All heavy atoms as atom14 arrays in JSON, in Angstrom:
{
  "sequence": "VEEVGVGRDLLKQRAFFPLTFPLTVGPGSISVAITIGAALSSTEKG",
  "atom14_mask": [
    [1, 1, 1, 1, 1, 1, 1, 0, 0, 0, 0, 0, 0, 0],
    [1, 1, 1, 1, 1, 1, 1, 1, 1, 0, 0, 0, 0, 0],
    [1, 1, 1, 1, 1, 1, 1, 1, 1, 0, 0, 0, 0, 0],
    [1, 1, 1, 1, 1, 1, 1, 0, 0, 0, 0, 0, 0, 0],
    [1, 1, 1, 1, 0, 0, 0, 0, 0, 0, 0, 0, 0, 0],
    [1, 1, 1, 1, 1, 1, 1, 0, 0, 0, 0, 0, 0, 0],
    [1, 1, 1, 1, 0, 0, 0, 0, 0, 0, 0, 0, 0, 0],
    [1, 1, 1, 1, 1, 1, 1, 1, 1, 1, 1, 0, 0, 0],
    [1, 1, 1, 1, 1, 1, 1, 1, 0, 0, 0, 0, 0, 0],
    [1, 1, 1, 1, 1, 1, 1, 1, 0, 0, 0, 0, 0, 0],
    [1, 1, 1, 1, 1, 1, 1, 1, 0, 0, 0, 0, 0, 0],
    [1, 1, 1, 1, 1, 1, 1, 1, 1, 0, 0, 0, 0, 0],
    [1, 1, 1, 1, 1, 1, 1, 1, 1, 0, 0, 0, 0, 0],
    [1, 1, 1, 1, 1, 1, 1, 1, 1, 1, 1, 0, 0, 0],
    [1, 1, 1, 1, 1, 0, 0, 0, 0, 0, 0, 0, 0, 0],
    [1, 1, 1, 1, 1, 1, 1, 1, 1, 1, 1, 0, 0, 0],
    [1, 1, 1, 1, 1, 1, 1, 1, 1, 1, 1, 0, 0, 0],
    [1, 1, 1, 1, 1, 1, 1, 0, 0, 0, 0, 0, 0, 0],
    [1, 1, 1, 1, 1, 1, 1, 1, 0, 0, 0, 0, 0, 0],
    [1, 1, 1, 1, 1, 1, 1, 0, 0, 0, 0, 0, 0, 0],
    [1, 1, 1, 1, 1, 1, 1, 1, 1, 1, 1, 0, 0, 0],
    [1, 1, 1, 1, 1, 1, 1, 0, 0, 0, 0, 0, 0, 0],
    [1, 1, 1, 1, 1, 1, 1, 1, 0, 0, 0, 0, 0, 0],
    [1, 1, 1, 1, 1, 1, 1, 0, 0, 0, 0, 0, 0, 0],
    [1, 1, 1, 1, 1, 1, 1, 0, 0, 0, 0, 0, 0, 0],
    [1, 1, 1, 1, 0, 0, 0, 0, 0, 0, 0, 0, 0, 0],
    [1, 1, 1, 1, 1, 1, 1, 0, 0, 0, 0, 0, 0, 0],
    [1, 1, 1, 1, 0, 0, 0, 0, 0, 0, 0, 0, 0, 0],
    [1, 1, 1, 1, 1, 1, 0, 0, 0, 0, 0, 0, 0, 0],
    [1, 1, 1, 1, 1, 1, 1, 1, 0, 0, 0, 0, 0, 0],
    [1, 1, 1, 1, 1, 1, 0, 0, 0, 0, 0, 0, 0, 0],
    [1, 1, 1, 1, 1, 1, 1, 0, 0, 0, 0, 0, 0, 0],
    [1, 1, 1, 1, 1, 0, 0, 0, 0, 0, 0, 0, 0, 0],
    [1, 1, 1, 1, 1, 1, 1, 1, 0, 0, 0, 0, 0, 0],
    [1, 1, 1, 1, 1, 1, 1, 0, 0, 0, 0, 0, 0, 0],
    [1, 1, 1, 1, 1, 1, 1, 1, 0, 0, 0, 0, 0, 0],
    [1, 1, 1, 1, 0, 0, 0, 0, 0, 0, 0, 0, 0, 0],
    [1, 1, 1, 1, 1, 0, 0, 0, 0, 0, 0, 0, 0, 0],
    [1, 1, 1, 1, 1, 0, 0, 0, 0, 0, 0, 0, 0, 0],
    [1, 1, 1, 1, 1, 1, 1, 1, 0, 0, 0, 0, 0, 0],
    [1, 1, 1, 1, 1, 1, 0, 0, 0, 0, 0, 0, 0, 0],
    [1, 1, 1, 1, 1, 1, 0, 0, 0, 0, 0, 0, 0, 0],
    [1, 1, 1, 1, 1, 1, 1, 0, 0, 0, 0, 0, 0, 0],
    [1, 1, 1, 1, 1, 1, 1, 1, 1, 0, 0, 0, 0, 0],
    [1, 1, 1, 1, 1, 1, 1, 1, 1, 0, 0, 0, 0, 0],
    [1, 1, 1, 1, 0, 0, 0, 0, 0, 0, 0, 0, 0, 0]
  ],
  "atom14_positions": [
    [[7.24, 9.58, 43.78], [8.62, 9.37, 44.0], [8.93, 7.88, 43.95], [9.94, 7.52, 43.43], [9.03, 9.89, 45.46], [10.41, 9.49, 45.76], [8.93, 11.44, 45.41], [0.0, 0.0, 0.0], [0.0, 0.0, 0.0], [0.0, 0.0, 0.0], [0.0, 0.0, 0.0], [0.0, 0.0, 0.0], [0.0, 0.0, 0.0], [0.0, 0.0, 0.0]],
    [[8.03, 7.06, 44.45], [8.17, 5.63, 44.39], [8.34, 5.07, 42.98], [9.0, 4.1, 42.65], [7.07, 4.9, 45.1], [7.11, 5.16, 46.66], [5.9, 4.46, 47.31], [5.13, 3.81, 46.67], [5.76, 4.58, 48.58], [0.0, 0.0, 0.0], [0.0, 0.0, 0.0], [0.0, 0.0, 0.0], [0.0, 0.0, 0.0], [0.0, 0.0, 0.0]],
    [[7.5, 5.78, 42.05], [7.47, 5.25, 40.69], [8.75, 5.59, 39.97], [8.88, 5.15, 38.8], [6.24, 5.77, 39.97], [4.92, 5.25, 40.52], [4.7, 3.85, 40.15], [5.38, 3.4, 39.26], [3.94, 3.14, 40.79], [0.0, 0.0, 0.0], [0.0, 0.0, 0.0], [0.0, 0.0, 0.0], [0.0, 0.0, 0.0], [0.0, 0.0, 0.0]],
    [[9.5, 6.55, 40.47], [10.74, 6.94, 39.73], [11.69, 5.72, 39.53], [12.42, 5.63, 38.53], [11.54, 8.09, 40.46], [12.8, 8.41, 39.77], [10.6, 9.35, 40.54], [0.0, 0.0, 0.0], [0.0, 0.0, 0.0], [0.0, 0.0, 0.0], [0.0, 0.0, 0.0], [0.0, 0.0, 0.0], [0.0, 0.0, 0.0], [0.0, 0.0, 0.0]],
    [[11.67, 4.8, 40.4], [12.58, 3.71, 40.39], [12.11, 2.54, 39.47], [12.79, 1.57, 39.51], [0.0, 0.0, 0.0], [0.0, 0.0, 0.0], [0.0, 0.0, 0.0], [0.0, 0.0, 0.0], [0.0, 0.0, 0.0], [0.0, 0.0, 0.0], [0.0, 0.0, 0.0], [0.0, 0.0, 0.0], [0.0, 0.0, 0.0], [0.0, 0.0, 0.0]],
    [[11.03, 2.71, 38.75], [10.57, 1.6, 37.92], [11.64, 1.37, 36.81], [12.16, 2.3, 36.26], [9.26, 2.04, 37.26], [8.86, 0.95, 36.16], [8.16, 2.15, 38.29], [0.0, 0.0, 0.0], [0.0, 0.0, 0.0], [0.0, 0.0, 0.0], [0.0, 0.0, 0.0], [0.0, 0.0, 0.0], [0.0, 0.0, 0.0], [0.0, 0.0, 0.0]],
    [[12.02, 0.04, 36.59], [13.04, -0.27, 35.7], [12.73, 0.05, 34.23], [11.55, -0.03, 33.88], [0.0, 0.0, 0.0], [0.0, 0.0, 0.0], [0.0, 0.0, 0.0], [0.0, 0.0, 0.0], [0.0, 0.0, 0.0], [0.0, 0.0, 0.0], [0.0, 0.0, 0.0], [0.0, 0.0, 0.0], [0.0, 0.0, 0.0], [0.0, 0.0, 0.0]],
    [[13.77, 0.35, 33.52], [13.55, 0.75, 32.11], [13.08, -0.43, 31.34], [12.32, -0.28, 30.33], [14.92, 1.24, 31.58], [15.35, 2.63, 32.1], [14.27, 3.66, 31.84], [14.71, 5.0, 32.19], [14.04, 6.12, 32.27], [12.68, 6.02, 32.24], [14.56, 7.26, 32.57], [0.0, 0.0, 0.0], [0.0, 0.0, 0.0], [0.0, 0.0, 0.0]],
    [[13.51, -1.66, 31.64], [13.07, -2.8, 30.89], [11.56, -2.95, 31.06], [10.81, -3.31, 30.05], [13.77, -4.1, 31.48], [15.24, -4.16, 31.07], [15.55, -3.44, 30.05], [16.02, -4.81, 31.73], [0.0, 0.0, 0.0], [0.0, 0.0, 0.0], [0.0, 0.0, 0.0], [0.0, 0.0, 0.0], [0.0, 0.0, 0.0], [0.0, 0.0, 0.0]],
    [[11.0, -2.79, 32.28], [9.55, -2.86, 32.45], [8.83, -1.8, 31.74], [7.82, -2.07, 31.13], [9.26, -2.78, 33.92], [7.76, -2.9, 34.29], [7.13, -4.12, 33.83], [7.6, -2.73, 35.84], [0.0, 0.0, 0.0], [0.0, 0.0, 0.0], [0.0, 0.0, 0.0], [0.0, 0.0, 0.0], [0.0, 0.0, 0.0], [0.0, 0.0, 0.0]],
    [[9.42, -0.56, 31.7], [8.8, 0.47, 30.95], [8.77, 0.23, 29.44], [7.79, 0.55, 28.72], [9.52, 1.8, 31.2], [9.38, 2.45, 32.64], [10.2, 3.66, 32.74], [7.89, 2.76, 32.86], [0.0, 0.0, 0.0], [0.0, 0.0, 0.0], [0.0, 0.0, 0.0], [0.0, 0.0, 0.0], [0.0, 0.0, 0.0], [0.0, 0.0, 0.0]],
    [[9.84, -0.39, 28.92], [9.92, -0.66, 27.53], [8.8, -1.72, 27.14], [8.22, -1.66, 26.14], [11.26, -1.34, 27.18], [12.43, -0.3, 27.08], [13.72, -0.96, 26.76], [14.89, 0.08, 26.74], [16.13, -0.56, 26.4], [0.0, 0.0, 0.0], [0.0, 0.0, 0.0], [0.0, 0.0, 0.0], [0.0, 0.0, 0.0], [0.0, 0.0, 0.0]],
    [[8.62, -2.73, 28.0], [7.57, -3.7, 27.83], [6.22, -3.02, 27.82], [5.39, -3.35, 26.89], [7.63, -4.79, 28.84], [8.93, -5.63, 28.8], [8.99, -6.58, 30.01], [8.03, -6.88, 30.67], [10.23, -7.11, 30.27], [0.0, 0.0, 0.0], [0.0, 0.0, 0.0], [0.0, 0.0, 0.0], [0.0, 0.0, 0.0], [0.0, 0.0, 0.0]],
    [[5.88, -2.15, 28.78], [4.66, -1.53, 28.77], [4.48, -0.57, 27.58], [3.36, -0.37, 27.16], [4.55, -0.63, 30.08], [4.42, -1.54, 31.36], [4.29, -0.68, 32.61], [3.13, 0.15, 32.48], [2.85, 1.2, 33.2], [3.74, 1.57, 34.15], [1.76, 1.83, 33.09], [0.0, 0.0, 0.0], [0.0, 0.0, 0.0], [0.0, 0.0, 0.0]],
    [[5.6, -0.03, 27.16], [5.44, 0.95, 26.05], [5.02, 0.23, 24.8], [4.23, 0.83, 23.98], [6.87, 1.67, 25.8], [0.0, 0.0, 0.0], [0.0, 0.0, 0.0], [0.0, 0.0, 0.0], [0.0, 0.0, 0.0], [0.0, 0.0, 0.0], [0.0, 0.0, 0.0], [0.0, 0.0, 0.0], [0.0, 0.0, 0.0], [0.0, 0.0, 0.0]],
    [[5.47, -0.98, 24.58], [5.04, -1.76, 23.41], [3.67, -2.32, 23.59], [2.71, -2.13, 22.77], [6.01, -2.84, 23.02], [5.53, -3.56, 21.81], [5.77, -2.96, 20.53], [4.96, -4.79, 21.81], [5.33, -3.64, 19.39], [4.59, -5.43, 20.73], [4.73, -4.86, 19.46], [0.0, 0.0, 0.0], [0.0, 0.0, 0.0], [0.0, 0.0, 0.0]],
    [[3.49, -3.07, 24.75], [2.18, -3.65, 25.01], [1.78, -3.28, 26.4], [2.52, -3.55, 27.31], [2.25, -5.19, 24.89], [0.95, -5.86, 25.16], [-0.05, -5.98, 24.19], [0.67, -6.33, 26.45], [-1.25, -6.58, 24.43], [-0.57, -6.95, 26.65], [-1.48, -7.04, 25.69], [0.0, 0.0, 0.0], [0.0, 0.0, 0.0], [0.0, 0.0, 0.0]],
    [[0.66, -2.61, 26.64], [-0.4, -2.39, 25.67], [-0.38, -0.96, 25.06], [-1.33, -0.59, 24.3], [-1.65, -2.58, 26.42], [-1.3, -2.08, 27.76], [0.17, -2.39, 27.98], [0.0, 0.0, 0.0], [0.0, 0.0, 0.0], [0.0, 0.0, 0.0], [0.0, 0.0, 0.0], [0.0, 0.0, 0.0], [0.0, 0.0, 0.0], [0.0, 0.0, 0.0]],
    [[0.59, -0.18, 25.37], [0.52, 1.33, 25.1], [0.6, 1.58, 23.56], [0.0, 2.45, 22.98], [1.52, 2.05, 25.86], [1.17, 2.13, 27.31], [2.33, 2.88, 28.12], [-0.11, 2.85, 27.66], [0.0, 0.0, 0.0], [0.0, 0.0, 0.0], [0.0, 0.0, 0.0], [0.0, 0.0, 0.0], [0.0, 0.0, 0.0], [0.0, 0.0, 0.0]],
    [[1.54, 0.88, 22.89], [1.71, 1.0, 21.44], [0.7, 0.09, 20.74], [-0.13, 0.6, 19.98], [3.14, 0.7, 20.98], [4.04, 1.53, 21.62], [3.27, 0.82, 19.5], [0.0, 0.0, 0.0], [0.0, 0.0, 0.0], [0.0, 0.0, 0.0], [0.0, 0.0, 0.0], [0.0, 0.0, 0.0], [0.0, 0.0, 0.0], [0.0, 0.0, 0.0]],
    [[0.78, -1.15, 21.06], [-0.19, -2.1, 20.44], [-0.88, -2.81, 21.57], [-0.26, -3.33, 22.54], [0.56, -3.19, 19.62], [-0.39, -4.18, 19.03], [-1.08, -3.93, 17.86], [-0.6, -5.38, 19.65], [-1.94, -4.81, 17.31], [-1.43, -6.29, 19.13], [-2.12, -6.02, 17.95], [0.0, 0.0, 0.0], [0.0, 0.0, 0.0], [0.0, 0.0, 0.0]],
    [[-2.22, -2.75, 21.67], [-3.14, -2.29, 20.61], [-3.71, -0.95, 20.78], [-4.64, -0.53, 20.03], [-4.23, -3.4, 20.59], [-4.3, -3.61, 22.14], [-2.95, -3.51, 22.65], [0.0, 0.0, 0.0], [0.0, 0.0, 0.0], [0.0, 0.0, 0.0], [0.0, 0.0, 0.0], [0.0, 0.0, 0.0], [0.0, 0.0, 0.0], [0.0, 0.0, 0.0]],
    [[-3.3, -0.14, 21.78], [-3.92, 1.14, 22.09], [-3.7, 2.22, 21.05], [-4.59, 2.91, 20.54], [-3.51, 1.55, 23.54], [-3.98, 0.7, 24.59], [-3.53, 1.18, 25.96], [-5.56, 0.52, 24.63], [0.0, 0.0, 0.0], [0.0, 0.0, 0.0], [0.0, 0.0, 0.0], [0.0, 0.0, 0.0], [0.0, 0.0, 0.0], [0.0, 0.0, 0.0]],
    [[-2.4, 2.5, 20.77], [-2.03, 3.55, 19.84], [-2.13, 3.12, 18.39], [-2.75, 3.75, 17.53], [-0.58, 4.08, 20.19], [-0.64, 4.48, 21.53], [-0.31, 5.36, 19.24], [0.0, 0.0, 0.0], [0.0, 0.0, 0.0], [0.0, 0.0, 0.0], [0.0, 0.0, 0.0], [0.0, 0.0, 0.0], [0.0, 0.0, 0.0], [0.0, 0.0, 0.0]],
    [[-1.38, 2.03, 18.04], [-1.45, 1.41, 16.71], [-2.27, 0.11, 16.86], [-1.67, -0.97, 17.2], [-0.06, 1.22, 16.13], [-0.15, 0.51, 14.82], [0.66, 2.47, 16.06], [0.0, 0.0, 0.0], [0.0, 0.0, 0.0], [0.0, 0.0, 0.0], [0.0, 0.0, 0.0], [0.0, 0.0, 0.0], [0.0, 0.0, 0.0], [0.0, 0.0, 0.0]],
    [[-3.5, 0.17, 16.67], [-4.39, -0.94, 16.83], [-4.65, -1.67, 15.5], [-4.03, -1.48, 14.49], [0.0, 0.0, 0.0], [0.0, 0.0, 0.0], [0.0, 0.0, 0.0], [0.0, 0.0, 0.0], [0.0, 0.0, 0.0], [0.0, 0.0, 0.0], [0.0, 0.0, 0.0], [0.0, 0.0, 0.0], [0.0, 0.0, 0.0], [0.0, 0.0, 0.0]],
    [[-5.61, -2.64, 15.53], [-5.93, -3.41, 14.35], [-6.45, -2.53, 13.24], [-6.2, -2.82, 12.02], [-6.95, -4.4, 14.87], [-7.49, -3.84, 16.09], [-6.39, -3.11, 16.74], [0.0, 0.0, 0.0], [0.0, 0.0, 0.0], [0.0, 0.0, 0.0], [0.0, 0.0, 0.0], [0.0, 0.0, 0.0], [0.0, 0.0, 0.0], [0.0, 0.0, 0.0]],
    [[-7.11, -1.42, 13.6], [-7.63, -0.57, 12.55], [-6.55, 0.14, 11.82], [-6.45, 0.22, 10.55], [0.0, 0.0, 0.0], [0.0, 0.0, 0.0], [0.0, 0.0, 0.0], [0.0, 0.0, 0.0], [0.0, 0.0, 0.0], [0.0, 0.0, 0.0], [0.0, 0.0, 0.0], [0.0, 0.0, 0.0], [0.0, 0.0, 0.0], [0.0, 0.0, 0.0]],
    [[-5.55, 0.7, 12.59], [-4.36, 1.32, 12.01], [-3.55, 0.37, 11.16], [-3.02, 0.7, 10.02], [-3.54, 1.9, 13.11], [-4.18, 2.84, 13.94], [0.0, 0.0, 0.0], [0.0, 0.0, 0.0], [0.0, 0.0, 0.0], [0.0, 0.0, 0.0], [0.0, 0.0, 0.0], [0.0, 0.0, 0.0], [0.0, 0.0, 0.0], [0.0, 0.0, 0.0]],
    [[-3.34, -0.81, 11.68], [-2.55, -1.85, 10.94], [-3.2, -2.19, 9.62], [-2.62, -2.37, 8.6], [-2.27, -3.07, 11.8], [-1.38, -2.76, 13.01], [-1.79, -4.22, 11.0], [-1.13, -3.85, 13.96], [0.0, 0.0, 0.0], [0.0, 0.0, 0.0], [0.0, 0.0, 0.0], [0.0, 0.0, 0.0], [0.0, 0.0, 0.0], [0.0, 0.0, 0.0]],
    [[-4.59, -2.41, 9.66], [-5.33, -2.75, 8.43], [-5.18, -1.6, 7.4], [-4.89, -1.94, 6.23], [-6.8, -2.93, 8.78], [-6.96, -4.01, 9.71], [0.0, 0.0, 0.0], [0.0, 0.0, 0.0], [0.0, 0.0, 0.0], [0.0, 0.0, 0.0], [0.0, 0.0, 0.0], [0.0, 0.0, 0.0], [0.0, 0.0, 0.0], [0.0, 0.0, 0.0]],
    [[-5.29, -0.33, 7.85], [-5.21, 0.76, 6.9], [-3.73, 0.78, 6.42], [-3.51, 1.09, 5.19], [-5.56, 2.09, 7.58], [-5.17, 3.28, 6.71], [-7.0, 2.12, 7.95], [0.0, 0.0, 0.0], [0.0, 0.0, 0.0], [0.0, 0.0, 0.0], [0.0, 0.0, 0.0], [0.0, 0.0, 0.0], [0.0, 0.0, 0.0], [0.0, 0.0, 0.0]],
    [[-2.73, 0.6, 7.3], [-1.32, 0.71, 6.84], [-1.0, -0.42, 5.74], [-0.33, -0.14, 4.77], [-0.39, 0.52, 8.0], [0.0, 0.0, 0.0], [0.0, 0.0, 0.0], [0.0, 0.0, 0.0], [0.0, 0.0, 0.0], [0.0, 0.0, 0.0], [0.0, 0.0, 0.0], [0.0, 0.0, 0.0], [0.0, 0.0, 0.0], [0.0, 0.0, 0.0]],
    [[-1.58, -1.59, 6.08], [-1.32, -2.66, 5.1], [-2.01, -2.36, 3.74], [-1.47, -2.59, 2.65], [-1.87, -4.04, 5.64], [-1.04, -4.47, 6.8], [-1.96, -5.11, 4.54], [-1.6, -5.77, 7.53], [0.0, 0.0, 0.0], [0.0, 0.0, 0.0], [0.0, 0.0, 0.0], [0.0, 0.0, 0.0], [0.0, 0.0, 0.0], [0.0, 0.0, 0.0]],
    [[-3.2, -1.79, 3.81], [-3.88, -1.45, 2.57], [-3.2, -0.36, 1.76], [-3.06, -0.38, 0.57], [-5.37, -0.94, 2.88], [-6.01, -1.94, 3.67], [-6.09, -0.63, 1.67], [0.0, 0.0, 0.0], [0.0, 0.0, 0.0], [0.0, 0.0, 0.0], [0.0, 0.0, 0.0], [0.0, 0.0, 0.0], [0.0, 0.0, 0.0], [0.0, 0.0, 0.0]],
    [[-2.66, 0.6, 2.5], [-1.88, 1.76, 1.9], [-0.65, 1.16, 1.25], [-0.22, 1.52, 0.09], [-1.54, 2.86, 2.92], [-2.77, 3.6, 3.34], [-0.49, 3.79, 2.31], [-2.56, 4.64, 4.39], [0.0, 0.0, 0.0], [0.0, 0.0, 0.0], [0.0, 0.0, 0.0], [0.0, 0.0, 0.0], [0.0, 0.0, 0.0], [0.0, 0.0, 0.0]],
    [[0.06, 0.3, 1.91], [1.27, -0.36, 1.41], [1.02, -1.08, 0.11], [1.76, -1.02, -0.79], [0.0, 0.0, 0.0], [0.0, 0.0, 0.0], [0.0, 0.0, 0.0], [0.0, 0.0, 0.0], [0.0, 0.0, 0.0], [0.0, 0.0, 0.0], [0.0, 0.0, 0.0], [0.0, 0.0, 0.0], [0.0, 0.0, 0.0], [0.0, 0.0, 0.0]],
    [[-0.06, -1.86, 0.17], [-0.48, -2.57, -1.09], [-0.84, -1.7, -2.24], [-0.46, -1.93, -3.43], [-1.63, -3.54, -0.78], [0.0, 0.0, 0.0], [0.0, 0.0, 0.0], [0.0, 0.0, 0.0], [0.0, 0.0, 0.0], [0.0, 0.0, 0.0], [0.0, 0.0, 0.0], [0.0, 0.0, 0.0], [0.0, 0.0, 0.0], [0.0, 0.0, 0.0]],
    [[-1.49, -0.58, -1.92], [-1.88, 0.38, -2.95], [-0.6, 1.04, -3.59], [-0.49, 1.26, -4.76], [-2.77, 1.45, -2.4], [0.0, 0.0, 0.0], [0.0, 0.0, 0.0], [0.0, 0.0, 0.0], [0.0, 0.0, 0.0], [0.0, 0.0, 0.0], [0.0, 0.0, 0.0], [0.0, 0.0, 0.0], [0.0, 0.0, 0.0], [0.0, 0.0, 0.0]],
    [[0.34, 1.42, -2.73], [1.56, 2.02, -3.25], [2.36, 1.1, -4.08], [2.97, 1.48, -5.15], [2.45, 2.53, -2.05], [1.83, 3.69, -1.28], [2.78, 4.04, -0.1], [1.72, 4.93, -2.1], [0.0, 0.0, 0.0], [0.0, 0.0, 0.0], [0.0, 0.0, 0.0], [0.0, 0.0, 0.0], [0.0, 0.0, 0.0], [0.0, 0.0, 0.0]],
    [[2.39, -0.18, -3.71], [3.17, -1.18, -4.44], [2.5, -1.53, -5.79], [3.33, -1.73, -6.74], [3.37, -2.48, -3.66], [3.96, -2.23, -2.38], [0.0, 0.0, 0.0], [0.0, 0.0, 0.0], [0.0, 0.0, 0.0], [0.0, 0.0, 0.0], [0.0, 0.0, 0.0], [0.0, 0.0, 0.0], [0.0, 0.0, 0.0], [0.0, 0.0, 0.0]],
    [[1.19, -1.45, -5.88], [0.54, -1.91, -7.09], [0.36, -0.79, -8.1], [0.21, -1.01, -9.31], [-0.78, -2.53, -6.79], [-1.59, -1.55, -6.07], [0.0, 0.0, 0.0], [0.0, 0.0, 0.0], [0.0, 0.0, 0.0], [0.0, 0.0, 0.0], [0.0, 0.0, 0.0], [0.0, 0.0, 0.0], [0.0, 0.0, 0.0], [0.0, 0.0, 0.0]],
    [[0.34, 0.48, -7.62], [0.02, 1.58, -8.51], [1.35, 2.34, -8.97], [1.23, 3.05, -9.97], [-0.97, 2.62, -7.89], [-0.35, 3.13, -6.65], [-2.3, 1.91, -7.51], [0.0, 0.0, 0.0], [0.0, 0.0, 0.0], [0.0, 0.0, 0.0], [0.0, 0.0, 0.0], [0.0, 0.0, 0.0], [0.0, 0.0, 0.0], [0.0, 0.0, 0.0]],
    [[2.38, 2.25, -8.21], [3.54, 3.0, -8.57], [4.44, 2.2, -9.53], [4.49, 1.0, -9.45], [4.27, 3.44, -7.43], [3.44, 4.25, -6.37], [2.88, 5.55, -7.01], [3.5, 6.06, -7.93], [1.92, 6.05, -6.53], [0.0, 0.0, 0.0], [0.0, 0.0, 0.0], [0.0, 0.0, 0.0], [0.0, 0.0, 0.0], [0.0, 0.0, 0.0]],
    [[5.24, 2.91, -10.26], [6.24, 2.22, -11.16], [7.56, 3.05, -11.27], [7.58, 4.27, -11.02], [5.63, 2.09, -12.57], [4.53, 1.1, -12.64], [3.99, 0.96, -14.08], [2.76, 0.1, -14.19], [2.28, -0.06, -15.61], [0.0, 0.0, 0.0], [0.0, 0.0, 0.0], [0.0, 0.0, 0.0], [0.0, 0.0, 0.0], [0.0, 0.0, 0.0]],
    [[8.63, 2.41, -11.53], [9.89, 3.05, -11.74], [10.42, 3.83, -10.53], [10.42, 3.4, -9.39], [0.0, 0.0, 0.0], [0.0, 0.0, 0.0], [0.0, 0.0, 0.0], [0.0, 0.0, 0.0], [0.0, 0.0, 0.0], [0.0, 0.0, 0.0], [0.0, 0.0, 0.0], [0.0, 0.0, 0.0], [0.0, 0.0, 0.0], [0.0, 0.0, 0.0]]
  ]
}
């Protein structure tokens, strides 16, 4: 019940760091995403 009053601003901060980065989307995911993006840009045309 005490935790219900936690401010949304604080929750937003926690949601991004550390819960989104680096826990959910970490350096491994970012590296793979960058590699995929580079592959799509270099191999596709038109």
